[in-house]
């Protein structure tokens, strides 16, 4: 599913300026922060960019073209995306996707799922080959484990676990590196809705004040900050290397060898 980048609301801009500056995260900053949420695209793996999204859309539409005309497909996909990104009544985002798309195309859910399986088995792994690594991602996750923190891969909940892991491998990361993965089969909400973050906090049993959100996209990740979650946005003046360095200092002072 392709998500469009949107503009920030005016009231979000002061917070963005504050949390995207280069930070000297002292060891005290990490005190009491037991849970860490980390975004995937643009944070743990290199930003896919337009090429990845264009290839994804092209191959997906080609697979589904046997079910309907391109005009019908585009209309059905648009409606499906609206439902998945809304406060829907389905049991999970996965159910919202397949039930809505099947209804819009006037076919059975099983038929849509078969076409989806073919796409993710054959086309998707090829598309993922163009992804590039974030050089500090593996080290960052290892540091978080070494300091005893609970780690959630807080990617937007519009993909399954297998599809997420194929992308993670670009940075030598795997599903078992995370205590929770916000895949579409376990989530009922999506970014940038605050419900995504409150639902995640409930699932991991964490309080906002003990949680850190590390992301890169102000539109999708900044809502965590409004809930009282300490938020760091990489890009510009703040890098994953900066955050990893601060964790190394924290580990050196609080976990002496």
C-alpha atoms as a PDB file:
ATOM      1  CA  UNK A   1       0.000   0.000   0.000  1.00  0.00           C
ATOM      2  CA  UNK A   2       1.421   3.378  -0.990  1.00  0.00           C
ATOM      3  CA  UNK A   3       1.042   6.176   1.561  1.00  0.00           C
ATOM      4  CA  UNK A   4       1.235   9.779   0.444  1.00  0.00           C
ATOM      5  CA  UNK A   5       3.449  12.274   2.244  1.00  0.00           C
ATOM      6  CA  UNK A   6       1.384  15.109   3.704  1.00  0.00           C
ATOM      7  CA  UNK A   7       2.113  18.511   5.148  1.00  0.00           C
ATOM      8  CA  UNK A   8       2.422  19.222   8.851  1.00  0.00           C
ATOM      9  CA  UNK A   9      -0.226  21.096  10.760  1.00  0.00           C
ATOM     10  CA  UNK A  10       0.991  24.565  11.918  1.00  0.00           C
ATOM     11  CA  UNK A  11       0.907  23.549  15.592  1.00  0.00           C
ATOM     12  CA  UNK A  12       3.293  20.652  14.893  1.00  0.00           C
ATOM     13  CA  UNK A  13       6.134  22.782  13.538  1.00  0.00           C
ATOM     14  CA  UNK A  14       7.547  24.079  16.874  1.00  0.00           C
ATOM     15  CA  UNK A  15       7.792  20.508  18.184  1.00  0.00           C
ATOM     16  CA  UNK A  16       9.493  19.409  14.977  1.00  0.00           C
ATOM     17  CA  UNK A  17      12.125  22.122  15.295  1.00  0.00           C
ATOM     18  CA  UNK A  18      12.834  21.076  18.867  1.00  0.00           C
ATOM     19  CA  UNK A  19      13.213  17.322  18.353  1.00  0.00           C
ATOM     20  CA  UNK A  20      15.022  17.372  15.021  1.00  0.00           C
ATOM     21  CA  UNK A  21      17.952  19.440  16.193  1.00  0.00           C
ATOM     22  CA  UNK A  22      21.239  17.653  16.860  1.00  0.00           C
ATOM     23  CA  UNK A  23      20.893  16.236  20.340  1.00  0.00           C
ATOM     24  CA  UNK A  24      23.508  15.626  22.968  1.00  0.00           C
ATOM     25  CA  UNK A  25      21.601  12.856  24.659  1.00  0.00           C
ATOM     26  CA  UNK A  26      23.175  12.507  28.067  1.00  0.00           C
ATOM     27  CA  UNK A  27      23.062   9.290  30.000  1.00  0.00           C
ATOM     28  CA  UNK A  28      20.381  10.873  32.202  1.00  0.00           C
ATOM     29  CA  UNK A  29      18.109  11.370  29.183  1.00  0.00           C
ATOM     30  CA  UNK A  30      17.709   7.611  28.840  1.00  0.00           C
ATOM     31  CA  UNK A  31      16.880   7.073  32.506  1.00  0.00           C
ATOM     32  CA  UNK A  32      13.408   5.601  33.005  1.00  0.00           C
ATOM     33  CA  UNK A  33      12.910   4.999  29.274  1.00  0.00           C
ATOM     34  CA  UNK A  34      12.301   1.281  29.202  1.00  0.00           C
ATOM     35  CA  UNK A  35      10.468   0.935  25.885  1.00  0.00           C
ATOM     36  CA  UNK A  36      11.598   2.068  22.434  1.00  0.00           C
ATOM     37  CA  UNK A  37       9.447   2.280  19.313  1.00  0.00           C
ATOM     38  CA  UNK A  38      11.414   2.399  16.047  1.00  0.00           C
ATOM     39  CA  UNK A  39      10.086   3.167  12.585  1.00  0.00           C
ATOM     40  CA  UNK A  40      11.369   1.154   9.625  1.00  0.00           C
ATOM     41  CA  UNK A  41      11.369   2.987   6.262  1.00  0.00           C
ATOM     42  CA  UNK A  42      13.821   5.869   6.332  1.00  0.00           C
ATOM     43  CA  UNK A  43      14.878   5.028   9.888  1.00  0.00           C
ATOM     44  CA  UNK A  44      16.128   1.433  10.115  1.00  0.00           C
ATOM     45  CA  UNK A  45      16.417   1.005   6.363  1.00  0.00           C
ATOM     46  CA  UNK A  46      17.312   3.537   3.694  1.00  0.00           C
ATOM     47  CA  UNK A  47      14.398   5.587   2.404  1.00  0.00           C
ATOM     48  CA  UNK A  48      13.004   3.577  -0.534  1.00  0.00           C
ATOM     49  CA  UNK A  49      12.102   6.670  -2.521  1.00  0.00           C
ATOM     50  CA  UNK A  50       9.889   6.989  -5.590  1.00  0.00           C
ATOM     51  CA  UNK A  51      11.467   4.086  -7.487  1.00  0.00           C
ATOM     52  CA  UNK A  52      10.498   1.516  -4.861  1.00  0.00           C
ATOM     53  CA  UNK A  53       6.925   2.791  -4.566  1.00  0.00           C
ATOM     54  CA  UNK A  54       6.484   3.035  -8.338  1.00  0.00           C
ATOM     55  CA  UNK A  55       7.725  -0.517  -8.879  1.00  0.00           C
ATOM     56  CA  UNK A  56       5.498  -1.774  -6.066  1.00  0.00           C
ATOM     57  CA  UNK A  57       2.400  -0.135  -7.561  1.00  0.00           C
ATOM     58  CA  UNK A  58       3.236  -1.295 -11.097  1.00  0.00           C
ATOM     59  CA  UNK A  59       3.802  -4.955 -10.229  1.00  0.00           C
ATOM     60  CA  UNK A  60       0.812  -5.077  -7.870  1.00  0.00           C
ATOM     61  CA  UNK A  61      -1.534  -3.654 -10.498  1.00  0.00           C
ATOM     62  CA  UNK A  62      -0.186  -6.031 -13.119  1.00  0.00           C
ATOM     63  CA  UNK A  63      -0.906  -8.990 -10.840  1.00  0.00           C
ATOM     64  CA  UNK A  64      -4.445  -7.775 -10.133  1.00  0.00           C
ATOM     65  CA  UNK A  65      -5.180  -6.823 -13.750  1.00  0.00           C
ATOM     66  CA  UNK A  66      -6.803 -10.221 -14.350  1.00  0.00           C
ATOM     67  CA  UNK A  67      -9.531  -9.296 -11.879  1.00  0.00           C
ATOM     68  CA  UNK A  68     -10.612  -5.929 -13.306  1.00  0.00           C
ATOM     69  CA  UNK A  69      -9.699  -3.059 -15.620  1.00  0.00           C
ATOM     70  CA  UNK A  70      -7.003  -0.617 -14.483  1.00  0.00           C
ATOM     71  CA  UNK A  71      -9.644   2.056 -13.894  1.00  0.00           C
ATOM     72  CA  UNK A  72     -11.631  -0.315 -11.697  1.00  0.00           C
ATOM     73  CA  UNK A  73      -8.476  -1.378  -9.898  1.00  0.00           C
ATOM     74  CA  UNK A  74      -7.395   2.164  -9.154  1.00  0.00           C
ATOM     75  CA  UNK A  75     -10.833   3.020  -7.806  1.00  0.00           C
ATOM     76  CA  UNK A  76     -10.898  -0.143  -5.671  1.00  0.00           C
ATOM     77  CA  UNK A  77      -7.391   0.418  -4.316  1.00  0.00           C
ATOM     78  CA  UNK A  78      -8.205   4.037  -3.429  1.00  0.00           C
ATOM     79  CA  UNK A  79     -11.315   2.985  -1.517  1.00  0.00           C
ATOM     80  CA  UNK A  80      -9.420   0.176   0.232  1.00  0.00           C
ATOM     81  CA  UNK A  81      -6.679   2.550   1.311  1.00  0.00           C
ATOM     82  CA  UNK A  82      -9.245   4.979   2.722  1.00  0.00           C
ATOM     83  CA  UNK A  83     -10.809   2.209   4.817  1.00  0.00           C
ATOM     84  CA  UNK A  84      -7.522   0.785   6.117  1.00  0.00           C
ATOM     85  CA  UNK A  85      -6.286   4.236   7.128  1.00  0.00           C
ATOM     86  CA  UNK A  86      -9.564   5.101   8.862  1.00  0.00           C
ATOM     87  CA  UNK A  87     -11.021   4.083  12.215  1.00  0.00           C
ATOM     88  CA  UNK A  88     -12.615   0.973  10.762  1.00  0.00           C
ATOM     89  CA  UNK A  89     -14.574  -1.759  12.514  1.00  0.00           C
ATOM     90  CA  UNK A  90     -12.624  -4.758  11.207  1.00  0.00           C
ATOM     91  CA  UNK A  91     -10.722  -7.071  13.547  1.00  0.00           C
ATOM     92  CA  UNK A  92      -7.384  -6.078  11.989  1.00  0.00           C
ATOM     93  CA  UNK A  93      -5.938  -3.951   9.211  1.00  0.00           C
ATOM     94  CA  UNK A  94      -5.341  -7.141   7.247  1.00  0.00           C
ATOM     95  CA  UNK A  95      -9.045  -7.981   7.376  1.00  0.00           C
ATOM     96  CA  UNK A  96      -9.919  -4.395   6.442  1.00  0.00           C
ATOM     97  CA  UNK A  97      -7.669  -4.603   3.382  1.00  0.00           C
ATOM     98  CA  UNK A  98      -8.781  -7.928   1.962  1.00  0.00           C
ATOM     99  CA  UNK A  99     -12.479  -7.607   2.797  1.00  0.00           C
ATOM    100  CA  UNK A 100     -12.725  -4.127   1.292  1.00  0.00           C
ATOM    101  CA  UNK A 101     -10.684  -4.866  -1.828  1.00  0.00           C
ATOM    102  CA  UNK A 102     -12.669  -8.048  -2.508  1.00  0.00           C
ATOM    103  CA  UNK A 103     -15.961  -6.200  -2.091  1.00  0.00           C
ATOM    104  CA  UNK A 104     -14.859  -3.343  -4.364  1.00  0.00           C
ATOM    105  CA  UNK A 105     -13.700  -5.778  -7.075  1.00  0.00           C
ATOM    106  CA  UNK A 106     -16.790  -7.981  -6.589  1.00  0.00           C
ATOM    107  CA  UNK A 107     -14.744 -11.154  -6.104  1.00  0.00           C
ATOM    108  CA  UNK A 108     -14.148 -13.455  -3.155  1.00  0.00           C
ATOM    109  CA  UNK A 109     -11.553 -12.598  -0.523  1.00  0.00           C
ATOM    110  CA  UNK A 110      -9.849 -15.941  -1.191  1.00  0.00           C
ATOM    111  CA  UNK A 111      -9.292 -14.955  -4.811  1.00  0.00           C
ATOM    112  CA  UNK A 112      -7.736 -11.618  -3.882  1.00  0.00           C
ATOM    113  CA  UNK A 113      -5.506 -13.349  -1.336  1.00  0.00           C
ATOM    114  CA  UNK A 114      -4.255 -15.793  -3.994  1.00  0.00           C
ATOM    115  CA  UNK A 115      -3.194 -12.922  -6.243  1.00  0.00           C
ATOM    116  CA  UNK A 116      -1.576 -11.222  -3.245  1.00  0.00           C
ATOM    117  CA  UNK A 117       0.408 -14.361  -2.426  1.00  0.00           C
ATOM    118  CA  UNK A 118       1.726 -14.567  -5.972  1.00  0.00           C
ATOM    119  CA  UNK A 119       2.814 -10.924  -5.827  1.00  0.00           C
ATOM    120  CA  UNK A 120       4.597 -11.247  -2.485  1.00  0.00           C
ATOM    121  CA  UNK A 121       6.171 -14.589  -3.420  1.00  0.00           C
ATOM    122  CA  UNK A 122       7.482 -13.598  -6.847  1.00  0.00           C
ATOM    123  CA  UNK A 123       7.560  -9.818  -7.385  1.00  0.00           C
ATOM    124  CA  UNK A 124       8.046  -8.278  -3.954  1.00  0.00           C
ATOM    125  CA  UNK A 125      11.411  -9.946  -3.110  1.00  0.00           C
ATOM    126  CA  UNK A 126      12.788  -8.650  -6.413  1.00  0.00           C
ATOM    127  CA  UNK A 127      11.602  -5.089  -5.658  1.00  0.00           C
ATOM    128  CA  UNK A 128      13.185  -5.220  -2.182  1.00  0.00           C
ATOM    129  CA  UNK A 129      16.623  -5.741  -3.746  1.00  0.00           C
ATOM    130  CA  UNK A 130      16.802  -2.009  -4.517  1.00  0.00           C
ATOM    131  CA  UNK A 131      16.525  -1.056  -0.829  1.00  0.00           C
ATOM    132  CA  UNK A 132      19.705   0.098   0.884  1.00  0.00           C
ATOM    133  CA  UNK A 133      20.887  -0.201   4.451  1.00  0.00           C
ATOM    134  CA  UNK A 134      21.093   2.298   7.268  1.00  0.00           C
ATOM    135  CA  UNK A 135      24.694   1.700   8.396  1.00  0.00           C
ATOM    136  CA  UNK A 136      24.003   2.225  12.122  1.00  0.00           C
ATOM    137  CA  UNK A 137      20.702   0.320  12.364  1.00  0.00           C
ATOM    138  CA  UNK A 138      22.115  -3.076  13.356  1.00  0.00           C
ATOM    139  CA  UNK A 139      24.375  -1.502  15.982  1.00  0.00           C
ATOM    140  CA  UNK A 140      21.514   0.594  17.328  1.00  0.00           C
ATOM    141  CA  UNK A 141      19.245  -2.422  17.851  1.00  0.00           C
ATOM    142  CA  UNK A 142      22.082  -4.355  19.507  1.00  0.00           C
ATOM    143  CA  UNK A 143      22.709  -1.460  21.914  1.00  0.00           C
ATOM    144  CA  UNK A 144      19.030  -1.306  22.858  1.00  0.00           C
ATOM    145  CA  UNK A 145      19.067  -5.024  23.634  1.00  0.00           C
ATOM    146  CA  UNK A 146      22.296  -4.686  25.597  1.00  0.00           C
ATOM    147  CA  UNK A 147      20.737  -1.990  27.787  1.00  0.00           C
ATOM    148  CA  UNK A 148      17.703  -4.178  28.482  1.00  0.00           C
ATOM    149  CA  UNK A 149      15.070  -2.184  26.640  1.00  0.00           C
ATOM    150  CA  UNK A 150      11.858  -3.501  25.089  1.00  0.00           C
ATOM    151  CA  UNK A 151      11.963  -2.818  21.332  1.00  0.00           C
ATOM    152  CA  UNK A 152       8.951  -2.411  19.073  1.00  0.00           C
ATOM    153  CA  UNK A 153       9.270  -2.168  15.310  1.00  0.00           C
ATOM    154  CA  UNK A 154       6.675   0.588  14.950  1.00  0.00           C
ATOM    155  CA  UNK A 155       6.282   0.485  11.189  1.00  0.00           C
ATOM    156  CA  UNK A 156       2.967   1.584   9.714  1.00  0.00           C
ATOM    157  CA  UNK A 157       0.607  -1.381  10.004  1.00  0.00           C
ATOM    158  CA  UNK A 158      -0.159  -1.920   6.314  1.00  0.00           C
ATOM    159  CA  UNK A 159       2.024  -4.989   5.660  1.00  0.00           C
ATOM    160  CA  UNK A 160       2.378  -8.530   7.001  1.00  0.00           C
ATOM    161  CA  UNK A 161       5.339  -9.915   8.941  1.00  0.00           C
ATOM    162  CA  UNK A 162       6.913 -11.669   5.945  1.00  0.00           C
ATOM    163  CA  UNK A 163       6.816  -8.515   3.821  1.00  0.00           C
ATOM    164  CA  UNK A 164       8.271  -6.465   6.673  1.00  0.00           C
ATOM    165  CA  UNK A 165      11.158  -8.883   7.186  1.00  0.00           C
ATOM    166  CA  UNK A 166      12.076  -8.792   3.495  1.00  0.00           C
ATOM    167  CA  UNK A 167      12.595  -5.043   3.854  1.00  0.00           C
ATOM    168  CA  UNK A 168      14.439  -5.314   7.175  1.00  0.00           C
ATOM    169  CA  UNK A 169      17.082  -7.569   5.652  1.00  0.00           C
ATOM    170  CA  UNK A 170      18.461  -4.537   3.811  1.00  0.00           C
ATOM    171  CA  UNK A 171      19.984  -3.514   7.176  1.00  0.00           C
ATOM    172  CA  UNK A 172      20.733  -7.072   8.384  1.00  0.00           C
ATOM    173  CA  UNK A 173      17.732  -7.002  10.729  1.00  0.00           C
ATOM    174  CA  UNK A 174      15.088  -9.670  11.339  1.00  0.00           C
ATOM    175  CA  UNK A 175      11.722 -10.054  13.046  1.00  0.00           C
ATOM    176  CA  UNK A 176      13.264 -11.786  16.052  1.00  0.00           C
ATOM    177  CA  UNK A 177      15.248  -8.613  16.790  1.00  0.00           C
ATOM    178  CA  UNK A 178      12.013  -7.021  18.046  1.00  0.00           C
ATOM    179  CA  UNK A 179       9.701  -7.782  20.949  1.00  0.00           C
ATOM    180  CA  UNK A 180       6.706  -6.561  18.942  1.00  0.00           C
ATOM    181  CA  UNK A 181       6.210  -5.869  15.234  1.00  0.00           C
ATOM    182  CA  UNK A 182       3.208  -3.698  14.332  1.00  0.00           C
ATOM    183  CA  UNK A 183       2.192  -5.772  11.333  1.00  0.00           C
ATOM    184  CA  UNK A 184      -1.279  -5.482   9.833  1.00  0.00           C
ATOM    185  CA  UNK A 185      -2.482  -8.729  11.404  1.00  0.00           C
ATOM    186  CA  UNK A 186      -2.118  -7.440  14.993  1.00  0.00           C
ATOM    187  CA  UNK A 187      -3.108  -3.783  14.563  1.00  0.00           C
ATOM    188  CA  UNK A 188      -6.459  -2.034  14.053  1.00  0.00           C
ATOM    189  CA  UNK A 189      -5.021   1.443  13.474  1.00  0.00           C
ATOM    190  CA  UNK A 190      -2.366   3.151  11.359  1.00  0.00           C
ATOM    191  CA  UNK A 191      -0.068   6.147  11.488  1.00  0.00           C
ATOM    192  CA  UNK A 192      -0.481   9.099  11.747  1.00  0.00           C
ATOM    193  CA  UNK A 193      -3.510   8.482  14.005  1.00  0.00           C
ATOM    194  CA  UNK A 194      -2.801   8.758  17.714  1.00  0.00           C
ATOM    195  CA  UNK A 195      -4.710   5.482  18.103  1.00  0.00           C
ATOM    196  CA  UNK A 196      -1.745   3.695  16.497  1.00  0.00           C
ATOM    197  CA  UNK A 197       0.515   4.788  19.334  1.00  0.00           C
ATOM    198  CA  UNK A 198      -2.005   4.278  22.147  1.00  0.00           C
ATOM    199  CA  UNK A 199      -2.786   0.804  20.776  1.00  0.00           C
ATOM    200  CA  UNK A 200       0.934  -0.005  20.645  1.00  0.00           C
ATOM    201  CA  UNK A 201       1.497   1.248  24.198  1.00  0.00           C
ATOM    202  CA  UNK A 202      -1.381  -0.907  25.422  1.00  0.00           C
ATOM    203  CA  UNK A 203       0.010  -3.998  23.697  1.00  0.00           C
ATOM    204  CA  UNK A 204       3.462  -3.613  25.250  1.00  0.00           C
ATOM    205  CA  UNK A 205       2.222  -2.414  28.643  1.00  0.00           C
ATOM    206  CA  UNK A 206       4.149   0.853  28.561  1.00  0.00           C
ATOM    207  CA  UNK A 207       3.452   4.412  29.691  1.00  0.00           C
ATOM    208  CA  UNK A 208       4.162   7.384  27.391  1.00  0.00           C
ATOM    209  CA  UNK A 209       6.714   8.866  29.802  1.00  0.00           C
ATOM    210  CA  UNK A 210       8.761   5.638  29.783  1.00  0.00           C
ATOM    211  CA  UNK A 211       8.719   5.309  25.987  1.00  0.00           C
ATOM    212  CA  UNK A 212      10.870   6.677  23.149  1.00  0.00           C
ATOM    213  CA  UNK A 213       9.763   6.928  19.515  1.00  0.00           C
ATOM    214  CA  UNK A 214      12.534   7.017  16.889  1.00  0.00           C
ATOM    215  CA  UNK A 215      11.333   7.865  13.393  1.00  0.00           C
ATOM    216  CA  UNK A 216      12.073  10.047  10.399  1.00  0.00           C
ATOM    217  CA  UNK A 217       8.755  11.340   9.062  1.00  0.00           C
ATOM    218  CA  UNK A 218       7.145  14.287  10.902  1.00  0.00           C
ATOM    219  CA  UNK A 219       3.696  13.565   9.513  1.00  0.00           C
ATOM    220  CA  UNK A 220       3.588   9.893  10.484  1.00  0.00           C
ATOM    221  CA  UNK A 221       5.826   9.802  13.580  1.00  0.00           C
ATOM    222  CA  UNK A 222       5.355  13.167  15.295  1.00  0.00           C
ATOM    223  CA  UNK A 223       1.874  12.333  16.703  1.00  0.00           C
ATOM    224  CA  UNK A 224       3.695  10.172  19.283  1.00  0.00           C
ATOM    225  CA  UNK A 225       5.149  13.369  20.732  1.00  0.00           C
ATOM    226  CA  UNK A 226       1.661  14.780  21.356  1.00  0.00           C
ATOM    227  CA  UNK A 227       0.907  11.772  23.571  1.00  0.00           C
ATOM    228  CA  UNK A 228       3.899  12.469  25.809  1.00  0.00           C
ATOM    229  CA  UNK A 229       6.243   9.977  24.136  1.00  0.00           C
ATOM    230  CA  UNK A 230       9.808  11.297  23.851  1.00  0.00           C
ATOM    231  CA  UNK A 231      10.314  11.486  20.092  1.00  0.00           C
ATOM    232  CA  UNK A 232      13.471  11.649  17.999  1.00  0.00           C
ATOM    233  CA  UNK A 233      13.323  12.280  14.247  1.00  0.00           C
ATOM    234  CA  UNK A 234      16.410  11.401  12.237  1.00  0.00           C
ATOM    235  CA  UNK A 235      17.279  13.440   9.190  1.00  0.00           C
ATOM    236  CA  UNK A 236      18.828  16.866   8.801  1.00  0.00           C
ATOM    237  CA  UNK A 237      20.706  17.644  12.020  1.00  0.00           C
ATOM    238  CA  UNK A 238      20.023  14.368  13.802  1.00  0.00           C
ATOM    239  CA  UNK A 239      21.325  10.987  12.651  1.00  0.00           C
ATOM    240  CA  UNK A 240      21.106   7.399  13.783  1.00  0.00           C
ATOM    241  CA  UNK A 241      24.818   7.687  14.538  1.00  0.00           C
ATOM    242  CA  UNK A 242      24.066  10.492  17.042  1.00  0.00           C
ATOM    243  CA  UNK A 243      21.469   8.371  18.818  1.00  0.00           C
ATOM    244  CA  UNK A 244      23.701   5.281  18.812  1.00  0.00           C
ATOM    245  CA  UNK A 245      26.563   7.334  20.268  1.00  0.00           C
ATOM    246  CA  UNK A 246      24.359   8.568  23.099  1.00  0.00           C
ATOM    247  CA  UNK A 247      23.353   4.986  23.889  1.00  0.00           C
ATOM    248  CA  UNK A 248      26.999   3.939  23.918  1.00  0.00           C
ATOM    249  CA  UNK A 249      27.710   6.659  26.494  1.00  0.00           C
ATOM    250  CA  UNK A 250      24.716   5.555  28.541  1.00  0.00           C
ATOM    251  CA  UNK A 251      25.910   1.954  28.411  1.00  0.00           C
ATOM    252  CA  UNK A 252      29.481   2.911  29.337  1.00  0.00           C
ATOM    253  CA  UNK A 253      28.322   4.805  32.448  1.00  0.00           C
ATOM    254  CA  UNK A 254      25.542   2.510  33.606  1.00  0.00           C
ATOM    255  CA  UNK A 255      26.657  -0.908  32.396  1.00  0.00           C
ATOM    256  CA  UNK A 256      30.429  -0.942  33.082  1.00  0.00           C
ATOM    257  CA  UNK A 257      32.234  -4.057  31.919  1.00  0.00           C
END
